Amino acid sequence: MEDILAEASAVQAIIGHSIAGRQTRGASQRLADVFNPATGEVAARVALGTAQDVADAVAAAKAAFPAWADTPPLRRARILFKFKELLDQHHDDLAALITREHG
């Protein structure tokens, strides 16, 4: 478990936004500290979004919606089952990350 926490520290040094399938720090470039509640240490930094970042995310979601709406129910179910499979496969890592973030 310590390996995943050390890896998370390196990987999550700066947490940005995911908009239209791309990672971005956002328009403002402002960051805020994320603290480990158990130690009080800074665990990561998170990008602070702007109104433009929100507008970009909403526009991306609106643009993606027609394709998702046209996706047949069986394909949607397969996608969601794959998501569940990935959650199950990585539940220990996810639990460690959430614990590190929330205590």
PDB file of N, CA and C in Angstrom:
ATOM      1  N   MET A   1       0.831  -1.194   0.000  1.00  0.00           N
ATOM      2  CA  MET A   1       0.000   0.000   0.000  1.00  0.00           C
ATOM      3  C   MET A   1       0.871   1.251   0.000  1.00  0.00           C
ATOM      4  N   GLU A   2       2.008   1.225   0.686  1.00  0.00           N
ATOM      5  CA  GLU A   2       2.860   2.407   0.703  1.00  0.00           C
ATOM      6  C   GLU A   2       3.355   2.753  -0.694  1.00  0.00           C
ATOM      7  N   ASP A   3       3.568   1.718  -1.523  1.00  0.00           N
ATOM      8  CA  ASP A   3       4.012   1.969  -2.894  1.00  0.00           C
ATOM      9  C   ASP A   3       2.986   2.788  -3.663  1.00  0.00           C
ATOM     10  N   ILE A   4       1.719   2.420  -3.524  1.00  0.00           N
ATOM     11  CA  ILE A   4       0.678   3.150  -4.250  1.00  0.00           C
ATOM     12  C   ILE A   4       0.558   4.574  -3.725  1.00  0.00           C
ATOM     13  N   LEU A   5       0.759   4.784  -2.427  1.00  0.00           N
ATOM     14  CA  LEU A   5       0.686   6.136  -1.881  1.00  0.00           C
ATOM     15  C   LEU A   5       1.852   6.978  -2.375  1.00  0.00           C
ATOM     16  N   ALA A   6       3.036   6.386  -2.417  1.00  0.00           N
ATOM     17  CA  ALA A   6       4.191   7.117  -2.935  1.00  0.00           C
ATOM     18  C   ALA A   6       3.988   7.448  -4.405  1.00  0.00           C
ATOM     19  N   GLU A   7       3.479   6.491  -5.145  1.00  0.00           N
ATOM     20  CA  GLU A   7       3.205   6.712  -6.560  1.00  0.00           C
ATOM     21  C   GLU A   7       2.149   7.797  -6.734  1.00  0.00           C
ATOM     22  N   ALA A   8       1.126   7.776  -5.893  1.00  0.00           N
ATOM     23  CA  ALA A   8       0.064   8.779  -5.983  1.00  0.00           C
ATOM     24  C   ALA A   8       0.623  10.166  -5.728  1.00  0.00           C
ATOM     25  N   SER A   9       1.563  10.279  -4.787  1.00  0.00           N
ATOM     26  CA  SER A   9       2.163  11.576  -4.515  1.00  0.00           C
ATOM     27  C   SER A   9       2.838  12.125  -5.759  1.00  0.00           C
ATOM     28  N   ALA A  10       3.554  11.270  -6.442  1.00  0.00           N
ATOM     29  CA  ALA A  10       4.260  11.717  -7.636  1.00  0.00           C
ATOM     30  C   ALA A  10       3.289  12.020  -8.767  1.00  0.00           C
ATOM     31  N   VAL A  11       2.313  11.147  -8.954  1.00  0.00           N
ATOM     32  CA  VAL A  11       1.377  11.297 -10.057  1.00  0.00           C
ATOM     33  C   VAL A  11       0.434  12.462  -9.817  1.00  0.00           C
ATOM     34  N   GLN A  12      -0.009  12.643  -8.594  1.00  0.00           N
ATOM     35  CA  GLN A  12      -1.010  13.657  -8.300  1.00  0.00           C
ATOM     36  C   GLN A  12      -0.394  14.952  -7.790  1.00  0.00           C
ATOM     37  N   ALA A  13       0.834  15.231  -8.131  1.00  0.00           N
ATOM     38  CA  ALA A  13       1.450  16.465  -7.675  1.00  0.00           C
ATOM     39  C   ALA A  13       0.552  17.652  -8.009  1.00  0.00           C
ATOM     40  N   ILE A  14       0.007  17.662  -9.219  1.00  0.00           N
ATOM     41  CA  ILE A  14      -0.970  18.683  -9.599  1.00  0.00           C
ATOM     42  C   ILE A  14      -2.155  17.975 -10.240  1.00  0.00           C
ATOM     43  N   ILE A  15      -3.324  18.182  -9.672  1.00  0.00           N
ATOM     44  CA  ILE A  15      -4.554  17.577 -10.176  1.00  0.00           C
ATOM     45  C   ILE A  15      -5.279  18.638 -10.993  1.00  0.00           C
ATOM     46  N   GLY A  16      -5.485  18.350 -12.259  1.00  0.00           N
ATOM     47  CA  GLY A  16      -6.148  19.306 -13.136  1.00  0.00           C
ATOM     48  C   GLY A  16      -7.584  18.918 -13.411  1.00  0.00           C
ATOM     49  N   HIS A  17      -8.066  19.348 -14.542  1.00  0.00           N
ATOM     50  CA  HIS A  17      -9.433  19.073 -14.976  1.00  0.00           C
ATOM     51  C   HIS A  17      -9.387  18.164 -16.200  1.00  0.00           C
ATOM     52  N   SER A  18     -10.397  17.356 -16.340  1.00  0.00           N
ATOM     53  CA  SER A  18     -10.548  16.542 -17.541  1.00  0.00           C
ATOM     54  C   SER A  18     -11.726  17.116 -18.322  1.00  0.00           C
ATOM     55  N   ILE A  19     -11.423  17.728 -19.457  1.00  0.00           N
ATOM     56  CA  ILE A  19     -12.446  18.363 -20.286  1.00  0.00           C
ATOM     57  C   ILE A  19     -12.289  17.843 -21.710  1.00  0.00           C
ATOM     58  N   ALA A  20     -13.345  17.260 -22.224  1.00  0.00           N
ATOM     59  CA  ALA A  20     -13.355  16.719 -23.591  1.00  0.00           C
ATOM     60  C   ALA A  20     -12.252  15.682 -23.786  1.00  0.00           C
ATOM     61  N   GLY A  21     -12.008  14.888 -22.746  1.00  0.00           N
ATOM     62  CA  GLY A  21     -11.018  13.827 -22.843  1.00  0.00           C
ATOM     63  C   GLY A  21      -9.578  14.286 -22.741  1.00  0.00           C
ATOM     64  N   ARG A  22      -9.370  15.544 -22.421  1.00  0.00           N
ATOM     65  CA  ARG A  22      -8.012  16.082 -22.280  1.00  0.00           C
ATOM     66  C   ARG A  22      -7.805  16.589 -20.861  1.00  0.00           C
ATOM     67  N   GLN A  23      -6.590  16.448 -20.379  1.00  0.00           N
ATOM     68  CA  GLN A  23      -6.235  16.989 -19.072  1.00  0.00           C
ATOM     69  C   GLN A  23      -5.762  18.429 -19.254  1.00  0.00           C
ATOM     70  N   THR A  24      -6.234  19.309 -18.377  1.00  0.00           N
ATOM     71  CA  THR A  24      -5.848  20.713 -18.452  1.00  0.00           C
ATOM     72  C   THR A  24      -5.741  21.281 -17.043  1.00  0.00           C
ATOM     73  N   ARG A  25      -4.924  22.271 -16.890  1.00  0.00           N
ATOM     74  CA  ARG A  25      -4.829  22.976 -15.616  1.00  0.00           C
ATOM     75  C   ARG A  25      -5.898  24.058 -15.511  1.00  0.00           C
ATOM     76  N   GLY A  26      -6.524  24.371 -16.614  1.00  0.00           N
ATOM     77  CA  GLY A  26      -7.553  25.400 -16.596  1.00  0.00           C
ATOM     78  C   GLY A  26      -7.006  26.750 -16.999  1.00  0.00           C
ATOM     79  N   ALA A  27      -7.928  27.672 -17.161  1.00  0.00           N
ATOM     80  CA  ALA A  27      -7.573  28.996 -17.670  1.00  0.00           C
ATOM     81  C   ALA A  27      -6.830  29.844 -16.652  1.00  0.00           C
ATOM     82  N   SER A  28      -7.133  29.688 -15.367  1.00  0.00           N
ATOM     83  CA  SER A  28      -6.573  30.601 -14.378  1.00  0.00           C
ATOM     84  C   SER A  28      -5.141  30.270 -13.989  1.00  0.00           C
ATOM     85  N   GLN A  29      -4.756  29.009 -14.114  1.00  0.00           N
ATOM     86  CA  GLN A  29      -3.445  28.540 -13.660  1.00  0.00           C
ATOM     87  C   GLN A  29      -3.272  28.663 -12.141  1.00  0.00           C
ATOM     88  N   ARG A  30      -4.350  29.000 -11.418  1.00  0.00           N
ATOM     89  CA  ARG A  30      -4.283  29.079  -9.953  1.00  0.00           C
ATOM     90  C   ARG A  30      -4.407  27.677  -9.373  1.00  0.00           C
ATOM     91  N   LEU A  31      -3.701  27.439  -8.273  1.00  0.00           N
ATOM     92  CA  LEU A  31      -3.699  26.139  -7.613  1.00  0.00           C
ATOM     93  C   LEU A  31      -4.052  26.298  -6.143  1.00  0.00           C
ATOM     94  N   ALA A  32      -4.606  25.235  -5.563  1.00  0.00           N
ATOM     95  CA  ALA A  32      -4.877  25.191  -4.125  1.00  0.00           C
ATOM     96  C   ALA A  32      -4.287  23.899  -3.576  1.00  0.00           C
ATOM     97  N   ASP A  33      -3.859  23.946  -2.340  1.00  0.00           N
ATOM     98  CA  ASP A  33      -3.294  22.766  -1.699  1.00  0.00           C
ATOM     99  C   ASP A  33      -4.384  21.786  -1.298  1.00  0.00           C
ATOM    100  N   VAL A  34      -4.062  20.495  -1.409  1.00  0.00           N
ATOM    101  CA  VAL A  34      -4.911  19.415  -0.908  1.00  0.00           C
ATOM    102  C   VAL A  34      -4.121  18.786   0.230  1.00  0.00           C
ATOM    103  N   PHE A  35      -4.711  18.774   1.413  1.00  0.00           N
ATOM    104  CA  PHE A  35      -4.000  18.295   2.595  1.00  0.00           C
ATOM    105  C   PHE A  35      -4.375  16.866   2.944  1.00  0.00           C
ATOM    106  N   ASN A  36      -3.393  16.105   3.393  1.00  0.00           N
ATOM    107  CA  ASN A  36      -3.636  14.791   3.960  1.00  0.00           C
ATOM    108  C   ASN A  36      -4.159  15.043   5.369  1.00  0.00           C
ATOM    109  N   PRO A  37      -5.412  14.687   5.660  1.00  0.00           N
ATOM    110  CA  PRO A  37      -5.981  15.008   6.965  1.00  0.00           C
ATOM    111  C   PRO A  37      -5.312  14.266   8.120  1.00  0.00           C
ATOM    112  N   ALA A  38      -4.661  13.162   7.843  1.00  0.00           N
ATOM    113  CA  ALA A  38      -4.001  12.405   8.910  1.00  0.00           C
ATOM    114  C   ALA A  38      -2.688  13.043   9.333  1.00  0.00           C
ATOM    115  N   THR A  39      -2.005  13.689   8.382  1.00  0.00           N
ATOM    116  CA  THR A  39      -0.685  14.239   8.683  1.00  0.00           C
ATOM    117  C   THR A  39      -0.632  15.758   8.607  1.00  0.00           C
ATOM    118  N   GLY A  40      -1.608  16.354   7.946  1.00  0.00           N
ATOM    119  CA  GLY A  40      -1.591  17.793   7.743  1.00  0.00           C
ATOM    120  C   GLY A  40      -0.661  18.225   6.620  1.00  0.00           C
ATOM    121  N   GLU A  41       0.034  17.269   6.010  1.00  0.00           N
ATOM    122  CA  GLU A  41       0.957  17.594   4.927  1.00  0.00           C
ATOM    123  C   GLU A  41       0.201  17.833   3.624  1.00  0.00           C
ATOM    124  N   VAL A  42       0.800  18.632   2.762  1.00  0.00           N
ATOM    125  CA  VAL A  42       0.224  18.845   1.436  1.00  0.00           C
ATOM    126  C   VAL A  42       0.410  17.557   0.641  1.00  0.00           C
ATOM    127  N   ALA A  43      -0.703  16.985   0.201  1.00  0.00           N
ATOM    128  CA  ALA A  43      -0.667  15.726  -0.545  1.00  0.00           C
ATOM    129  C   ALA A  43      -0.623  15.973  -2.047  1.00  0.00           C
ATOM    130  N   ALA A  44      -1.186  17.081  -2.472  1.00  0.00           N
ATOM    131  CA  ALA A  44      -1.238  17.412  -3.897  1.00  0.00           C
ATOM    132  C   ALA A  44      -1.673  18.862  -4.016  1.00  0.00           C
ATOM    133  N   ARG A  45      -1.703  19.328  -5.243  1.00  0.00           N
ATOM    134  CA  ARG A  45      -2.243  20.654  -5.522  1.00  0.00           C
ATOM    135  C   ARG A  45      -3.311  20.458  -6.581  1.00  0.00           C
ATOM    136  N   VAL A  46      -4.381  21.215  -6.461  1.00  0.00           N
ATOM    137  CA  VAL A  46      -5.501  21.081  -7.388  1.00  0.00           C
ATOM    138  C   VAL A  46      -5.688  22.395  -8.147  1.00  0.00           C
ATOM    139  N   ALA A  47      -5.941  22.273  -9.437  1.00  0.00           N
ATOM    140  CA  ALA A  47      -6.180  23.445 -10.275  1.00  0.00           C
ATOM    141  C   ALA A  47      -7.554  24.025  -9.951  1.00  0.00           C
ATOM    142  N   LEU A  48      -7.609  25.325  -9.792  1.00  0.00           N
ATOM    143  CA  LEU A  48      -8.875  26.012  -9.533  1.00  0.00           C
ATOM    144  C   LEU A  48      -9.494  26.414 -10.868  1.00  0.00           C
ATOM    145  N   GLY A  49     -10.721  26.000 -11.068  1.00  0.00           N
ATOM    146  CA  GLY A  49     -11.402  26.278 -12.319  1.00  0.00           C
ATOM    147  C   GLY A  49     -11.977  27.680 -12.372  1.00  0.00           C
ATOM    148  N   THR A  50     -12.203  28.133 -13.581  1.00  0.00           N
ATOM    149  CA  THR A  50     -12.819  29.434 -13.824  1.00  0.00           C
ATOM    150  C   THR A  50     -14.188  29.219 -14.462  1.00  0.00           C
ATOM    151  N   ALA A  51     -14.921  30.300 -14.622  1.00  0.00           N
ATOM    152  CA  ALA A  51     -16.205  30.218 -15.319  1.00  0.00           C
ATOM    153  C   ALA A  51     -15.994  29.702 -16.746  1.00  0.00           C
ATOM    154  N   GLN A  52     -14.889  30.076 -17.375  1.00  0.00           N
ATOM    155  CA  GLN A  52     -14.594  29.595 -18.728  1.00  0.00           C
ATOM    156  C   GLN A  52     -14.334  28.092 -18.729  1.00  0.00           C
ATOM    157  N   ASP A  53     -13.653  27.587 -17.702  1.00  0.00           N
ATOM    158  CA  ASP A  53     -13.425  26.140 -17.597  1.00  0.00           C
ATOM    159  C   ASP A  53     -14.753  25.398 -17.484  1.00  0.00           C
ATOM    160  N   VAL A  54     -15.658  25.946 -16.685  1.00  0.00           N
ATOM    161  CA  VAL A  54     -16.983  25.329 -16.540  1.00  0.00           C
ATOM    162  C   VAL A  54     -17.722  25.369 -17.874  1.00  0.00           C
ATOM    163  N   ALA A  55     -17.683  26.513 -18.542  1.00  0.00           N
ATOM    164  CA  ALA A  55     -18.351  26.633 -19.843  1.00  0.00           C
ATOM    165  C   ALA A  55     -17.766  25.637 -20.848  1.00  0.00           C
ATOM    166  N   ASP A  56     -16.443  25.468 -20.833  1.00  0.00           N
ATOM    167  CA  ASP A  56     -15.802  24.504 -21.733  1.00  0.00           C
ATOM    168  C   ASP A  56     -16.247  23.079 -21.413  1.00  0.00           C
ATOM    169  N   ALA A  57     -16.331  22.745 -20.123  1.00  0.00           N
ATOM    170  CA  ALA A  57     -16.755  21.401 -19.716  1.00  0.00           C
ATOM    171  C   ALA A  57     -18.208  21.143 -20.103  1.00  0.00           C
ATOM    172  N   VAL A  58     -19.068  22.136 -19.899  1.00  0.00           N
ATOM    173  CA  VAL A  58     -20.481  21.991 -20.264  1.00  0.00           C
ATOM    174  C   VAL A  58     -20.616  21.840 -21.780  1.00  0.00           C
ATOM    175  N   ALA A  59     -19.878  22.639 -22.531  1.00  0.00           N
ATOM    176  CA  ALA A  59     -19.929  22.542 -23.996  1.00  0.00           C
ATOM    177  C   ALA A  59     -19.451  21.165 -24.461  1.00  0.00           C
ATOM    178  N   ALA A  60     -18.401  20.647 -23.836  1.00  0.00           N
ATOM    179  CA  ALA A  60     -17.892  19.320 -24.205  1.00  0.00           C
ATOM    180  C   ALA A  60     -18.922  18.239 -23.892  1.00  0.00           C
ATOM    181  N   ALA A  61     -19.574  18.364 -22.741  1.00  0.00           N
ATOM    182  CA  ALA A  61     -20.604  17.383 -22.377  1.00  0.00           C
ATOM    183  C   ALA A  61     -21.778  17.444 -23.347  1.00  0.00           C
ATOM    184  N   LYS A  62     -22.196  18.653 -23.704  1.00  0.00           N
ATOM    185  CA  LYS A  62     -23.296  18.799 -24.667  1.00  0.00           C
ATOM    186  C   LYS A  62     -22.918  18.218 -26.024  1.00  0.00           C
ATOM    187  N   ALA A  63     -21.668  18.420 -26.428  1.00  0.00           N
ATOM    188  CA  ALA A  63     -21.217  17.894 -27.717  1.00  0.00           C
ATOM    189  C   ALA A  63     -21.146  16.366 -27.706  1.00  0.00           C
ATOM    190  N   ALA A  64     -20.806  15.790 -26.564  1.00  0.00           N
ATOM    191  CA  ALA A  64     -20.681  14.329 -26.458  1.00  0.00           C
ATOM    192  C   ALA A  64     -22.029  13.640 -26.287  1.00  0.00           C
ATOM    193  N   PHE A  65     -23.017  14.364 -25.797  1.00  0.00           N
ATOM    194  CA  PHE A  65     -24.297  13.729 -25.463  1.00  0.00           C
ATOM    195  C   PHE A  65     -24.988  13.051 -26.642  1.00  0.00           C
ATOM    196  N   PRO A  66     -25.070  13.661 -27.828  1.00  0.00           N
ATOM    197  CA  PRO A  66     -25.780  12.978 -28.922  1.00  0.00           C
ATOM    198  C   PRO A  66     -25.209  11.591 -29.235  1.00  0.00           C
ATOM    199  N   ALA A  67     -23.893  11.464 -29.227  1.00  0.00           N
ATOM    200  CA  ALA A  67     -23.294  10.150 -29.508  1.00  0.00           C
ATOM    201  C   ALA A  67     -23.659   9.148 -28.419  1.00  0.00           C
ATOM    202  N   TRP A  68     -23.638   9.588 -27.156  1.00  0.00           N
ATOM    203  CA  TRP A  68     -24.017   8.692 -26.059  1.00  0.00           C
ATOM    204  C   TRP A  68     -25.498   8.336 -26.160  1.00  0.00           C
ATOM    205  N   ALA A  69     -26.332   9.314 -26.490  1.00  0.00           N
ATOM    206  CA  ALA A  69     -27.772   9.058 -26.612  1.00  0.00           C
ATOM    207  C   ALA A  69     -28.062   8.066 -27.734  1.00  0.00           C
ATOM    208  N   ASP A  70     -27.240   8.079 -28.783  1.00  0.00           N
ATOM    209  CA  ASP A  70     -27.419   7.152 -29.903  1.00  0.00           C
ATOM    210  C   ASP A  70     -26.786   5.782 -29.654  1.00  0.00           C
ATOM    211  N   THR A  71     -26.069   5.649 -28.556  1.00  0.00           N
ATOM    212  CA  THR A  71     -25.427   4.368 -28.240  1.00  0.00           C
ATOM    213  C   THR A  71     -26.495   3.364 -27.831  1.00  0.00           C
ATOM    214  N   PRO A  72     -26.521   2.203 -28.472  1.00  0.00           N
ATOM    215  CA  PRO A  72     -27.533   1.200 -28.122  1.00  0.00           C
ATOM    216  C   PRO A  72     -27.416   0.776 -26.650  1.00  0.00           C
ATOM    217  N   PRO A  73     -28.552   0.442 -26.033  1.00  0.00           N
ATOM    218  CA  PRO A  73     -28.543   0.060 -24.615  1.00  0.00           C
ATOM    219  C   PRO A  73     -27.560  -1.063 -24.282  1.00  0.00           C
ATOM    220  N   LEU A  74     -27.432  -2.056 -25.144  1.00  0.00           N
ATOM    221  CA  LEU A  74     -26.503  -3.152 -24.868  1.00  0.00           C
ATOM    222  C   LEU A  74     -25.062  -2.645 -24.809  1.00  0.00           C
ATOM    223  N   ARG A  75     -24.705  -1.745 -25.704  1.00  0.00           N
ATOM    224  CA  ARG A  75     -23.342  -1.170 -25.698  1.00  0.00           C
ATOM    225  C   ARG A  75     -23.130  -0.341 -24.436  1.00  0.00           C
ATOM    226  N   ARG A  76     -24.129   0.439 -24.046  1.00  0.00           N
ATOM    227  CA  ARG A  76     -24.023   1.223 -22.806  1.00  0.00           C
ATOM    228  C   ARG A  76     -23.814   0.307 -21.614  1.00  0.00           C
ATOM    229  N   ALA A  77     -24.586  -0.776 -21.570  1.00  0.00           N
ATOM    230  CA  ALA A  77     -24.457  -1.734 -20.464  1.00  0.00           C
ATOM    231  C   ALA A  77     -23.050  -2.319 -20.429  1.00  0.00           C
ATOM    232  N   ARG A  78     -22.507  -2.657 -21.585  1.00  0.00           N
ATOM    233  CA  ARG A  78     -21.145  -3.210 -21.632  1.00  0.00           C
ATOM    234  C   ARG A  78     -20.120  -2.202 -21.114  1.00  0.00           C
ATOM    235  N   ILE A  79     -20.295  -0.953 -21.473  1.00  0.00           N
ATOM    236  CA  ILE A  79     -19.389   0.097 -20.997  1.00  0.00           C
ATOM    237  C   ILE A  79     -19.468   0.202 -19.477  1.00  0.00           C
ATOM    238  N   LEU A  80     -20.680   0.216 -18.940  1.00  0.00           N
ATOM    239  CA  LEU A  80     -20.843   0.331 -17.490  1.00  0.00           C
ATOM    240  C   LEU A  80     -20.326  -0.903 -16.758  1.00  0.00           C
ATOM    241  N   PHE A  81     -20.519  -2.087 -17.339  1.00  0.00           N
ATOM    242  CA  PHE A  81     -19.963  -3.295 -16.722  1.00  0.00           C
ATOM    243  C   PHE A  81     -18.435  -3.271 -16.754  1.00  0.00           C
ATOM    244  N   LYS A  82     -17.857  -2.743 -17.820  1.00  0.00           N
ATOM    245  CA  LYS A  82     -16.398  -2.608 -17.878  1.00  0.00           C
ATOM    246  C   LYS A  82     -15.924  -1.643 -16.802  1.00  0.00           C
ATOM    247  N   PHE A  83     -16.654  -0.554 -16.599  1.00  0.00           N
ATOM    248  CA  PHE A  83     -16.326   0.397 -15.539  1.00  0.00           C
ATOM    249  C   PHE A  83     -16.348  -0.299 -14.184  1.00  0.00           C
ATOM    250  N   LYS A  84     -17.397  -1.090 -13.929  1.00  0.00           N
ATOM    251  CA  LYS A  84     -17.486  -1.832 -12.674  1.00  0.00           C
ATOM    252  C   LYS A  84     -16.317  -2.803 -12.531  1.00  0.00           C
ATOM    253  N   GLU A  85     -15.968  -3.475 -13.623  1.00  0.00           N
ATOM    254  CA  GLU A  85     -14.837  -4.408 -13.595  1.00  0.00           C
ATOM    255  C   GLU A  85     -13.546  -3.684 -13.206  1.00  0.00           C
ATOM    256  N   LEU A  86     -13.334  -2.507 -13.774  1.00  0.00           N
ATOM    257  CA  LEU A  86     -12.139  -1.730 -13.447  1.00  0.00           C
ATOM    258  C   LEU A  86     -12.156  -1.260 -11.997  1.00  0.00           C
ATOM    259  N   LEU A  87     -13.328  -0.857 -11.498  1.00  0.00           N
ATOM    260  CA  LEU A  87     -13.435  -0.489 -10.084  1.00  0.00           C
ATOM    261  C   LEU A  87     -13.076  -1.672  -9.195  1.00  0.00           C
ATOM    262  N   ASP A  88     -13.626  -2.839  -9.508  1.00  0.00           N
ATOM    263  CA  ASP A  88     -13.330  -4.040  -8.723  1.00  0.00           C
ATOM    264  C   ASP A  88     -11.845  -4.390  -8.795  1.00  0.00           C
ATOM    265  N   GLN A  89     -11.285  -4.280  -9.975  1.00  0.00           N
ATOM    266  CA  GLN A  89      -9.882  -4.635 -10.184  1.00  0.00           C
ATOM    267  C   GLN A  89      -8.943  -3.717  -9.401  1.00  0.00           C
ATOM    268  N   HIS A  90      -9.316  -2.465  -9.251  1.00  0.00           N
ATOM    269  CA  HIS A  90      -8.432  -1.478  -8.620  1.00  0.00           C
ATOM    270  C   HIS A  90      -8.964  -0.964  -7.284  1.00  0.00           C
ATOM    271  N   HIS A  91      -9.852  -1.721  -6.638  1.00  0.00           N
ATOM    272  CA  HIS A  91     -10.490  -1.196  -5.427  1.00  0.00           C
ATOM    273  C   HIS A  91      -9.494  -0.920  -4.304  1.00  0.00           C
ATOM    274  N   ASP A  92      -8.449  -1.715  -4.163  1.00  0.00           N
ATOM    275  CA  ASP A  92      -7.470  -1.452  -3.104  1.00  0.00           C
ATOM    276  C   ASP A  92      -6.732  -0.136  -3.352  1.00  0.00           C
ATOM    277  N   ASP A  93      -6.326   0.082  -4.597  1.00  0.00           N
ATOM    278  CA  ASP A  93      -5.639   1.328  -4.930  1.00  0.00           C
ATOM    279  C   ASP A  93      -6.561   2.532  -4.746  1.00  0.00           C
ATOM    280  N   LEU A  94      -7.802   2.399  -5.195  1.00  0.00           N
ATOM    281  CA  LEU A  94      -8.766   3.494  -5.042  1.00  0.00           C
ATOM    282  C   LEU A  94      -9.032   3.788  -3.573  1.00  0.00           C
ATOM    283  N   ALA A  95      -9.172   2.740  -2.767  1.00  0.00           N
ATOM    284  CA  ALA A  95      -9.405   2.932  -1.330  1.00  0.00           C
ATOM    285  C   ALA A  95      -8.227   3.653  -0.687  1.00  0.00           C
ATOM    286  N   ALA A  96      -7.009   3.284  -1.074  1.00  0.00           N
ATOM    287  CA  ALA A  96      -5.822   3.941  -0.521  1.00  0.00           C
ATOM    288  C   ALA A  96      -5.789   5.418  -0.905  1.00  0.00           C
ATOM    289  N   LEU A  97      -6.111   5.716  -2.151  1.00  0.00           N
ATOM    290  CA  LEU A  97      -6.111   7.111  -2.593  1.00  0.00           C
ATOM    291  C   LEU A  97      -7.185   7.932  -1.884  1.00  0.00           C
ATOM    292  N   ILE A  98      -8.372   7.370  -1.750  1.00  0.00           N
ATOM    293  CA  ILE A  98      -9.460   8.087  -1.079  1.00  0.00           C
ATOM    294  C   ILE A  98      -9.134   8.288   0.392  1.00  0.00           C
ATOM    295  N   THR A  99      -8.570   7.273   1.024  1.00  0.00           N
ATOM    296  CA  THR A  99      -8.188   7.393   2.434  1.00  0.00           C
ATOM    297  C   THR A  99      -7.124   8.465   2.601  1.00  0.00           C
ATOM    298  N   ARG A 100      -6.183   8.489   1.690  1.00  0.00           N
ATOM    299  CA  ARG A 100      -5.120   9.492   1.758  1.00  0.00           C
ATOM    300  C   ARG A 100      -5.693  10.901   1.615  1.00  0.00           C
ATOM    301  N   GLU A 101      -6.697  11.042   0.777  1.00  0.00           N
ATOM    302  CA  GLU A 101      -7.278  12.357   0.520  1.00  0.00           C
ATOM    303  C   GLU A 101      -8.252  12.794   1.610  1.00  0.00           C
ATOM    304  N   HIS A 102      -9.028  11.848   2.134  1.00  0.00           N
ATOM    305  CA  HIS A 102     -10.099  12.209   3.067  1.00  0.00           C
ATOM    306  C   HIS A 102      -9.865  11.764   4.503  1.00  0.00           C
ATOM    307  N   GLY A 103      -8.871  10.953   4.722  1.00  0.00           N
ATOM    308  CA  GLY A 103      -8.572  10.504   6.088  1.00  0.00           C
ATOM    309  C   GLY A 103      -9.300   9.255   6.467  1.00  0.00           C
TER     310      GLY A 103
END
